[in-house]
Amino acid sequence: MHSKGSQRPPAAHLVKCFCTYVPYSISAGTFPDEFDTSSGEDALLKTALAREMGFAGNVEVLAPESMGTGETVRYRVGNLDVFIFEVCDKELHKIQVKTLPDGRRVPSRPLAFIYQQHLKNIIDNEVMAIVRGLQPGTKVFVVADHGFGRVGREKLWLEVAWLNQPEDCIYRNAWLRQSLADLHVPEKVRTNVIEFPVKALRMPASREVNDKKGGGKWKKQFASIIFPRTGYAFSRPNAHFNPDAYSHGGISIQEMVIPMAVLRVRDKDEGWIILDDVSGPSEVVESQEATFLLQLSRSPAARKAEGEIRVDVQAAYTANLETNPLEAQVAYLGTTPAEVAYTFIPDLADATDDERKQGFMERTLTLTAIYRADHRTFRKSRSHRFVLRMNP
């Protein structure tokens, strides 16, 4: 971290979605009741850096490089880079619940399936491609703004008079005009919810909104926020009760605890093996074989290792949200460097309509070396982007 007053704030990497106050709180560096929740994240970030670090630079909004699969926006403030990804939000909404023959009600798409088919690919390729391109020694902060939890199927009905607007009630939480004690709610609701004053959660006690009927603006006042207990969900007034299988918000570890991992980019010479950059063509023609090479060698830290070092090399190239794995190889490192070669014809089957119109598609080849050292397993990766030109 640079000291306060520095004009070069630290490098960072932010991974998150766009749903709650959490992403804005991260950028603002404070609680929701202390900043304008209608401001953009770039403006909030600029204010926070000026307040906390004395940094007076502007926040530059950048377009994602290449296809930017999963990436939504980039910010650059001096030495601070912020990368924002939408990794699972759309995938986890609109998943219905199905009933099995034995009566159990389960999500139509399990979380494990979504992770393997969608999330893992973006993390392994798009996110890690950015991390691998950072300078050694760079600090990387990985943050997720919220997770998802199962929605209860037992209905708790809320009255219109308890709310400023019906929209203030969703399945996993509701913003009330008065406290439960003042509203005299039924026993079933009172015993199956958890209530917090808005001040206790550091949420805004009021919010100005547009009057859809009469025009102009009016201010909503909030006294408390309630959350359903496990197995329950709120029923919004004058709306059909049909919640998705998963949702964010409510009393859950996924929403209340914000995880952060702080990493440091290693020098490529660290560890027992050294990986050179992947060498190969930057442009490939349709139906043409392409060969990519990766050279591996022992680092000075591997001097204590006796005999050869076994290195398992995994390879795959990314196509949109699909991953095409290649055959794994094994290399043995002795006193001289070793080289692995991958020769293949890139597949055109997963080209999108836009790519076919453009006449080319961008792909990323990732080679991952896995080896054992000091009774631990280590992984190192190198990526190479190339363009596949289609035959018109």
Protein backbone atom coordinates (compact mmCIF):
# COMPACT_ATOMS: atom_id res chain seq x y z
CA MET A 1 0.00 0.00 0.00
CA HIS A 2 1.22 3.49 -0.76
CA SER A 3 1.04 6.02 2.06
CA LYS A 4 -1.60 8.74 2.28
CA GLY A 5 -0.89 11.57 -0.12
CA SER A 6 0.71 9.31 -2.71
CA GLN A 7 -0.27 9.92 -6.31
CA ARG A 8 0.05 6.20 -7.11
CA PRO A 9 -2.56 4.13 -5.28
CA PRO A 10 -2.11 0.34 -5.19
CA ALA A 11 -3.05 -2.09 -7.96
CA ALA A 12 -6.24 -4.02 -7.38
CA HIS A 13 -8.53 -6.54 -9.01
CA LEU A 14 -12.26 -6.44 -8.29
CA VAL A 15 -14.62 -9.27 -9.23
CA LYS A 16 -18.29 -8.65 -8.56
CA CYS A 17 -21.87 -8.37 -9.80
CA PHE A 18 -24.34 -5.46 -9.92
CA CYS A 19 -27.25 -6.01 -7.58
CA THR A 20 -27.14 -4.59 -4.06
CA TYR A 21 -25.56 -1.66 -2.24
CA VAL A 22 -22.46 -3.80 -1.71
CA PRO A 23 -20.54 -2.94 -4.93
CA TYR A 24 -21.17 0.75 -4.34
CA SER A 25 -20.10 0.46 -0.69
CA ILE A 26 -16.84 -1.14 -1.85
CA SER A 27 -16.15 1.75 -4.22
CA ALA A 28 -17.30 4.37 -1.70
CA GLY A 29 -15.27 2.84 1.12
CA THR A 30 -18.04 3.44 3.66
CA PHE A 31 -21.58 2.46 4.66
CA PRO A 32 -24.65 3.12 2.44
CA ASP A 33 -26.03 5.77 4.80
CA GLU A 34 -22.91 7.91 4.25
CA PHE A 35 -22.90 8.26 0.46
CA ASP A 36 -25.24 9.04 -2.41
CA THR A 37 -26.49 5.64 -3.52
CA SER A 38 -27.52 7.06 -6.89
CA SER A 39 -23.94 8.02 -7.81
CA GLY A 40 -21.89 5.90 -10.18
CA GLU A 41 -19.11 3.70 -8.89
CA ASP A 42 -16.44 5.75 -10.66
CA ALA A 43 -17.55 8.92 -8.83
CA LEU A 44 -17.70 7.09 -5.49
CA LEU A 45 -14.23 5.61 -6.04
CA LYS A 46 -12.76 9.03 -6.82
CA THR A 47 -14.24 10.52 -3.62
CA ALA A 48 -13.02 7.59 -1.50
CA LEU A 49 -9.45 7.77 -2.81
CA ALA A 50 -9.33 11.50 -2.18
CA ARG A 51 -10.67 11.04 1.36
CA GLU A 52 -8.58 8.03 2.39
CA MET A 53 -5.34 8.54 0.46
CA GLY A 54 -5.27 12.17 -0.60
CA PHE A 55 -5.31 11.11 -4.24
CA ALA A 56 -6.71 13.81 -6.54
CA GLY A 57 -6.60 12.01 -9.90
CA ASN A 58 -9.54 11.26 -12.17
CA VAL A 59 -11.16 7.86 -12.63
CA GLU A 60 -10.76 6.73 -16.24
CA VAL A 61 -13.47 4.39 -17.58
CA LEU A 62 -12.00 1.88 -20.04
CA ALA A 63 -13.62 -0.59 -22.42
CA PRO A 64 -12.68 -4.26 -21.83
CA GLU A 65 -9.93 -5.54 -24.08
CA SER A 66 -10.64 -8.18 -26.70
CA MET A 67 -14.02 -9.91 -26.31
CA GLY A 68 -14.17 -9.19 -22.59
CA THR A 69 -16.21 -12.32 -21.84
CA GLY A 70 -17.88 -11.74 -18.49
CA GLU A 71 -16.16 -8.39 -18.01
CA THR A 72 -18.42 -5.35 -17.76
CA VAL A 73 -16.17 -2.33 -17.14
CA ARG A 74 -12.68 -1.27 -16.17
CA TYR A 75 -11.55 1.72 -14.12
CA ARG A 76 -8.05 3.14 -13.98
CA VAL A 77 -6.93 5.66 -11.37
CA GLY A 78 -3.20 6.26 -11.60
CA ASN A 79 -1.64 3.00 -10.46
CA LEU A 80 -4.96 1.47 -9.41
CA ASP A 81 -6.77 -0.79 -11.89
CA VAL A 82 -10.28 -2.08 -11.17
CA PHE A 83 -11.71 -4.93 -13.24
CA ILE A 84 -15.41 -5.69 -12.75
CA PHE A 85 -16.90 -9.00 -13.89
CA GLU A 86 -20.46 -10.26 -14.05
CA VAL A 87 -19.73 -13.90 -13.36
CA CYS A 88 -22.92 -15.52 -12.14
CA ASP A 89 -25.73 -13.04 -11.52
CA LYS A 90 -27.68 -13.65 -14.73
CA GLU A 91 -27.01 -17.39 -14.59
CA LEU A 92 -28.57 -17.80 -11.14
CA HIS A 93 -31.73 -15.79 -11.73
CA LYS A 94 -34.83 -17.30 -13.37
CA ILE A 95 -34.00 -20.86 -12.29
CA GLN A 96 -37.26 -22.54 -11.38
CA VAL A 97 -37.99 -25.24 -8.82
CA LYS A 98 -39.07 -28.69 -9.99
CA THR A 99 -40.78 -31.48 -8.07
CA LEU A 100 -39.19 -34.95 -8.16
CA PRO A 101 -41.26 -38.19 -8.21
CA ASP A 102 -40.58 -38.68 -4.48
CA GLY A 103 -42.02 -35.23 -3.68
CA ARG A 104 -38.78 -33.35 -3.14
CA ARG A 105 -38.62 -29.83 -4.59
CA VAL A 106 -35.20 -29.00 -6.01
CA PRO A 107 -33.70 -26.39 -8.37
CA SER A 108 -33.97 -27.26 -12.05
CA ARG A 109 -30.26 -26.41 -12.44
CA PRO A 110 -27.94 -27.28 -9.52
CA LEU A 111 -25.26 -24.85 -8.39
CA ALA A 112 -22.51 -27.38 -9.19
CA PHE A 113 -23.67 -27.57 -12.80
CA ILE A 114 -23.65 -23.77 -13.18
CA TYR A 115 -20.17 -23.55 -11.71
CA GLN A 116 -18.70 -26.22 -13.98
CA GLN A 117 -20.43 -25.01 -17.14
CA HIS A 118 -20.12 -21.24 -16.70
CA LEU A 119 -18.34 -19.84 -13.67
CA LYS A 120 -15.16 -21.92 -13.73
CA ASN A 121 -14.47 -21.08 -17.37
CA ILE A 122 -14.63 -17.30 -16.78
CA ILE A 123 -12.42 -17.52 -13.69
CA ASP A 124 -9.84 -19.87 -15.25
CA ASN A 125 -9.53 -17.95 -18.49
CA GLU A 126 -10.81 -14.36 -18.43
CA VAL A 127 -10.05 -13.46 -14.82
CA MET A 128 -6.75 -15.32 -14.59
CA ALA A 129 -5.61 -13.95 -17.97
CA ILE A 130 -5.70 -10.48 -16.43
CA VAL A 131 -3.90 -11.59 -13.26
CA ARG A 132 -1.18 -13.38 -15.26
CA GLY A 133 -0.54 -10.18 -17.24
CA LEU A 134 0.18 -8.07 -14.15
CA GLN A 135 3.69 -7.13 -13.13
CA PRO A 136 5.37 -9.30 -10.45
CA GLY A 137 4.82 -7.88 -7.00
CA THR A 138 1.44 -6.34 -7.85
CA LYS A 139 -1.14 -6.66 -5.09
CA VAL A 140 -4.45 -8.11 -6.22
CA PHE A 141 -7.66 -7.72 -4.22
CA VAL A 142 -10.40 -10.14 -5.31
CA VAL A 143 -13.84 -9.23 -3.96
CA ALA A 144 -17.29 -10.73 -4.49
CA ASP A 145 -20.24 -8.48 -3.73
CA HIS A 146 -22.70 -11.23 -2.82
CA GLY A 147 -23.60 -14.87 -3.19
CA PHE A 148 -26.87 -16.67 -3.70
CA GLY A 149 -29.05 -18.71 -1.35
CA ARG A 150 -32.04 -21.01 -1.73
CA VAL A 151 -35.41 -19.26 -1.45
CA GLY A 152 -37.87 -20.68 1.06
CA ARG A 153 -41.22 -21.91 -0.24
CA GLU A 154 -43.34 -21.12 2.85
CA LYS A 155 -45.18 -17.83 2.22
CA LEU A 156 -45.31 -14.87 4.62
CA TRP A 157 -47.89 -12.34 3.44
CA LEU A 158 -47.15 -8.61 3.96
CA GLU A 159 -49.80 -5.87 3.88
CA VAL A 160 -49.61 -2.82 1.61
CA ALA A 161 -49.95 -0.44 4.58
CA TRP A 162 -46.68 -1.72 6.06
CA LEU A 163 -44.71 -0.53 3.02
CA ASN A 164 -44.10 2.74 1.19
CA GLN A 165 -44.50 0.84 -2.08
CA PRO A 166 -45.10 -2.84 -2.90
CA GLU A 167 -41.65 -2.80 -4.60
CA ASP A 168 -40.08 -2.39 -1.14
CA CYS A 169 -40.85 -6.06 -0.54
CA ILE A 170 -38.97 -8.83 -2.31
CA TYR A 171 -38.83 -12.51 -1.45
CA ARG A 172 -35.78 -12.24 0.83
CA ASN A 173 -36.27 -8.85 2.54
CA ALA A 174 -38.71 -5.98 3.05
CA TRP A 175 -38.27 -2.32 4.02
CA LEU A 176 -40.98 -1.24 6.50
CA ARG A 177 -42.39 2.23 7.21
CA GLN A 178 -42.68 1.39 10.93
CA SER A 179 -41.27 -1.25 13.22
CA LEU A 180 -43.05 -4.57 13.70
CA ALA A 181 -44.09 -3.54 17.21
CA ASP A 182 -45.83 -0.42 15.86
CA LEU A 183 -47.51 -2.30 13.02
CA HIS A 184 -49.06 -5.06 15.19
CA VAL A 185 -48.33 -7.80 12.64
CA PRO A 186 -49.84 -11.32 12.89
CA GLU A 187 -48.12 -13.96 15.01
CA LYS A 188 -46.98 -16.03 12.00
CA VAL A 189 -45.09 -13.07 10.50
CA ARG A 190 -43.65 -11.83 13.80
CA THR A 191 -42.20 -15.22 14.81
CA ASN A 192 -40.75 -16.11 11.43
CA VAL A 193 -38.84 -12.93 10.58
CA ILE A 194 -35.72 -11.21 11.87
CA GLU A 195 -35.90 -7.41 12.17
CA PHE A 196 -33.18 -4.77 12.18
CA PRO A 197 -33.57 -0.99 12.51
CA VAL A 198 -32.18 0.68 9.39
CA LYS A 199 -29.65 2.51 11.58
CA ALA A 200 -28.28 -0.81 12.88
CA LEU A 201 -27.56 -1.94 9.33
CA ARG A 202 -26.24 1.51 8.34
CA MET A 203 -28.76 1.67 5.50
CA PRO A 204 -30.45 4.89 4.31
CA ALA A 205 -33.45 5.87 6.47
CA SER A 206 -35.07 7.64 3.51
CA ARG A 207 -34.95 7.64 -0.25
CA GLU A 208 -36.26 10.10 -2.83
CA VAL A 209 -38.14 8.47 -5.72
CA ASN A 210 -40.13 9.57 -8.76
CA ASP A 211 -43.91 9.73 -8.50
CA LYS A 212 -45.06 7.56 -11.41
CA LYS A 213 -48.67 8.76 -11.27
CA GLY A 214 -48.60 12.44 -10.40
CA GLY A 215 -45.07 13.28 -11.52
CA GLY A 216 -42.46 14.99 -9.40
CA LYS A 217 -40.63 13.35 -6.51
CA TRP A 218 -41.48 12.16 -3.02
CA LYS A 219 -39.48 10.77 -0.11
CA LYS A 220 -39.90 7.29 1.33
CA GLN A 221 -39.18 6.83 5.05
CA PHE A 222 -37.90 3.54 6.49
CA ALA A 223 -37.91 2.38 10.11
CA SER A 224 -36.69 -1.21 9.84
CA ILE A 225 -35.76 -4.02 7.46
CA ILE A 226 -37.05 -7.54 7.98
CA PHE A 227 -35.73 -10.84 6.68
CA PRO A 228 -37.52 -14.22 6.53
CA ARG A 229 -36.21 -17.12 8.57
CA THR A 230 -34.99 -20.30 6.87
CA GLY A 231 -37.69 -21.94 4.77
CA TYR A 232 -39.83 -18.79 4.41
CA ALA A 233 -40.15 -16.04 1.78
CA PHE A 234 -42.17 -12.84 1.63
CA SER A 235 -45.23 -12.42 -0.56
CA ARG A 236 -45.38 -8.97 -2.14
CA PRO A 237 -48.83 -7.33 -2.00
CA ASN A 238 -50.93 -7.78 -5.16
CA ALA A 239 -48.32 -10.05 -6.78
CA HIS A 240 -48.15 -13.74 -7.63
CA PHE A 241 -45.96 -15.79 -5.27
CA ASN A 242 -43.55 -17.72 -7.49
CA PRO A 243 -39.94 -17.23 -6.36
CA ASP A 244 -36.90 -18.48 -8.24
CA ALA A 245 -34.85 -21.28 -6.75
CA TYR A 246 -32.01 -18.91 -5.81
CA SER A 247 -31.84 -15.29 -4.78
CA HIS A 248 -29.53 -12.88 -2.99
CA GLY A 249 -30.48 -10.77 0.00
CA GLY A 250 -31.86 -11.92 3.30
CA ILE A 251 -30.26 -13.50 6.34
CA SER A 252 -27.52 -15.62 4.81
CA ILE A 253 -23.77 -15.99 4.96
CA GLN A 254 -23.75 -15.47 1.18
CA GLU A 255 -25.08 -11.93 1.54
CA MET A 256 -23.89 -10.71 4.93
CA VAL A 257 -20.22 -11.78 4.72
CA ILE A 258 -18.26 -10.15 1.90
CA PRO A 259 -15.23 -12.31 1.02
CA MET A 260 -11.93 -10.77 -0.05
CA ALA A 261 -8.73 -12.52 -1.11
CA VAL A 262 -5.50 -10.50 -1.14
CA LEU A 263 -2.87 -11.94 -3.48
CA ARG A 264 0.53 -10.97 -4.83
CA VAL A 265 1.63 -11.66 -8.39
CA ARG A 266 4.68 -13.91 -8.28
CA ASP A 267 7.74 -13.49 -10.40
CA LYS A 268 7.87 -16.14 -13.11
CA ASP A 269 11.20 -17.34 -11.69
CA GLU A 270 9.65 -18.19 -8.31
CA GLY A 271 9.14 -21.86 -7.45
CA TRP A 272 10.97 -24.88 -8.81
CA ILE A 273 10.13 -24.43 -12.48
CA ILE A 274 10.25 -21.46 -14.85
CA LEU A 275 7.73 -21.09 -17.65
CA ASP A 276 8.58 -19.02 -20.69
CA ASP A 277 5.82 -17.25 -22.58
CA VAL A 278 3.85 -19.40 -25.00
CA SER A 279 5.22 -19.01 -28.51
CA GLY A 280 3.00 -19.50 -31.53
CA PRO A 281 1.09 -17.72 -34.27
CA SER A 282 -1.06 -14.72 -33.41
CA GLU A 283 -3.28 -15.45 -36.41
CA VAL A 284 -4.50 -18.80 -37.73
CA VAL A 285 -6.44 -19.51 -40.92
CA GLU A 286 -9.50 -21.76 -40.90
CA SER A 287 -8.69 -25.50 -41.26
CA GLN A 288 -4.98 -24.75 -40.77
CA GLU A 289 -2.96 -26.53 -38.09
CA ALA A 290 -1.35 -24.29 -35.51
CA THR A 291 1.57 -25.21 -33.25
CA PHE A 292 2.18 -23.56 -29.87
CA LEU A 293 5.30 -24.18 -27.78
CA LEU A 294 6.00 -23.81 -24.07
CA GLN A 295 9.51 -24.13 -22.68
CA LEU A 296 10.06 -25.21 -19.07
CA SER A 297 13.27 -25.10 -17.06
CA ARG A 298 14.42 -25.56 -13.50
CA SER A 299 14.82 -22.48 -11.32
CA PRO A 300 17.68 -21.92 -8.85
CA ALA A 301 15.25 -22.88 -6.07
CA ALA A 302 15.08 -26.43 -7.51
CA ARG A 303 18.74 -27.20 -6.86
CA LYS A 304 17.84 -29.26 -3.80
CA ALA A 305 15.53 -31.44 -5.88
CA GLU A 306 17.12 -34.77 -6.72
CA GLY A 307 16.58 -36.34 -10.09
CA GLU A 308 14.05 -35.15 -12.62
CA ILE A 309 10.99 -33.08 -11.80
CA ARG A 310 7.74 -34.40 -13.25
CA VAL A 311 5.52 -31.69 -14.71
CA ASP A 312 1.96 -32.42 -15.87
CA VAL A 313 0.82 -29.95 -18.51
CA GLN A 314 -2.88 -29.30 -19.08
CA ALA A 315 -4.09 -27.28 -22.05
CA ALA A 316 -7.35 -25.77 -23.26
CA TYR A 317 -8.44 -22.93 -25.48
CA THR A 318 -11.43 -20.75 -24.72
CA ALA A 319 -14.19 -20.07 -27.20
CA ASN A 320 -16.82 -17.65 -25.90
CA LEU A 321 -18.17 -19.46 -22.82
CA GLU A 322 -16.99 -22.88 -24.03
CA THR A 323 -13.67 -24.51 -23.17
CA ASN A 324 -12.04 -26.92 -25.61
CA PRO A 325 -9.61 -29.14 -23.66
CA LEU A 326 -6.54 -30.58 -25.36
CA GLU A 327 -4.70 -33.78 -24.48
CA ALA A 328 -2.57 -33.54 -21.33
CA GLN A 329 1.19 -34.03 -21.59
CA VAL A 330 3.97 -34.92 -19.17
CA ALA A 331 7.43 -33.36 -19.16
CA TYR A 332 10.46 -34.36 -17.07
CA LEU A 333 12.85 -31.58 -16.12
CA GLY A 334 16.48 -32.47 -15.64
CA THR A 335 19.48 -30.23 -16.02
CA THR A 336 18.35 -29.06 -19.46
CA PRO A 337 15.07 -27.31 -20.36
CA ALA A 338 12.10 -29.26 -21.70
CA GLU A 339 9.56 -28.20 -24.27
CA VAL A 340 5.95 -29.17 -24.84
CA ALA A 341 4.21 -28.62 -28.16
CA TYR A 342 0.52 -28.46 -28.91
CA THR A 343 -0.56 -28.80 -32.53
CA PHE A 344 -4.27 -28.63 -33.33
CA ILE A 345 -6.86 -27.22 -35.71
CA PRO A 346 -9.12 -24.72 -33.88
CA ASP A 347 -12.77 -25.72 -34.01
CA LEU A 348 -15.23 -23.39 -35.77
CA ALA A 349 -18.34 -25.13 -34.47
CA ASP A 350 -18.82 -22.74 -31.55
CA ALA A 351 -18.42 -19.51 -33.56
CA THR A 352 -21.16 -16.99 -32.80
CA ASP A 353 -23.27 -15.30 -35.48
CA ASP A 354 -21.40 -12.04 -34.90
CA GLU A 355 -18.05 -13.76 -35.33
CA ARG A 356 -19.19 -15.35 -38.59
CA LYS A 357 -20.26 -11.95 -39.88
CA GLN A 358 -16.91 -10.42 -38.89
CA GLY A 359 -14.99 -13.28 -40.44
CA PHE A 360 -12.75 -13.93 -37.45
CA MET A 361 -12.88 -15.12 -33.83
CA GLU A 362 -10.53 -14.47 -30.93
CA ARG A 363 -9.42 -17.38 -28.78
CA THR A 364 -7.16 -17.82 -25.73
CA LEU A 365 -4.91 -20.85 -25.30
CA THR A 366 -3.96 -21.57 -21.68
CA LEU A 367 -1.22 -24.02 -20.71
CA THR A 368 -1.02 -24.99 -17.05
CA ALA A 369 2.02 -26.74 -15.55
CA ILE A 370 1.40 -28.77 -12.38
CA TYR A 371 4.21 -30.17 -10.23
CA ARG A 372 4.94 -31.34 -6.67
CA ALA A 373 7.50 -29.66 -4.44
CA ASP A 374 8.02 -29.83 -0.67
CA HIS A 375 4.97 -32.09 -0.32
CA ARG A 376 2.72 -29.51 -1.98
CA THR A 377 1.15 -29.19 -5.42
CA PHE A 378 1.92 -26.05 -7.44
CA ARG A 379 0.33 -24.69 -10.60
CA LYS A 380 1.71 -22.17 -13.08
CA SER A 381 -0.05 -20.97 -16.21
CA ARG A 382 0.72 -19.08 -19.38
CA SER A 383 -1.83 -17.81 -21.91
CA HIS A 384 -1.64 -16.88 -25.56
CA ARG A 385 -4.35 -15.05 -27.51
CA PHE A 386 -4.78 -15.70 -31.22
CA VAL A 387 -7.21 -14.79 -33.98
CA LEU A 388 -8.82 -17.45 -36.15
CA ARG A 389 -9.54 -16.11 -39.64
CA MET A 390 -12.51 -17.73 -41.38
CA ASN A 391 -12.45 -18.65 -45.04
CA PRO A 392 -15.05 -16.36 -46.74
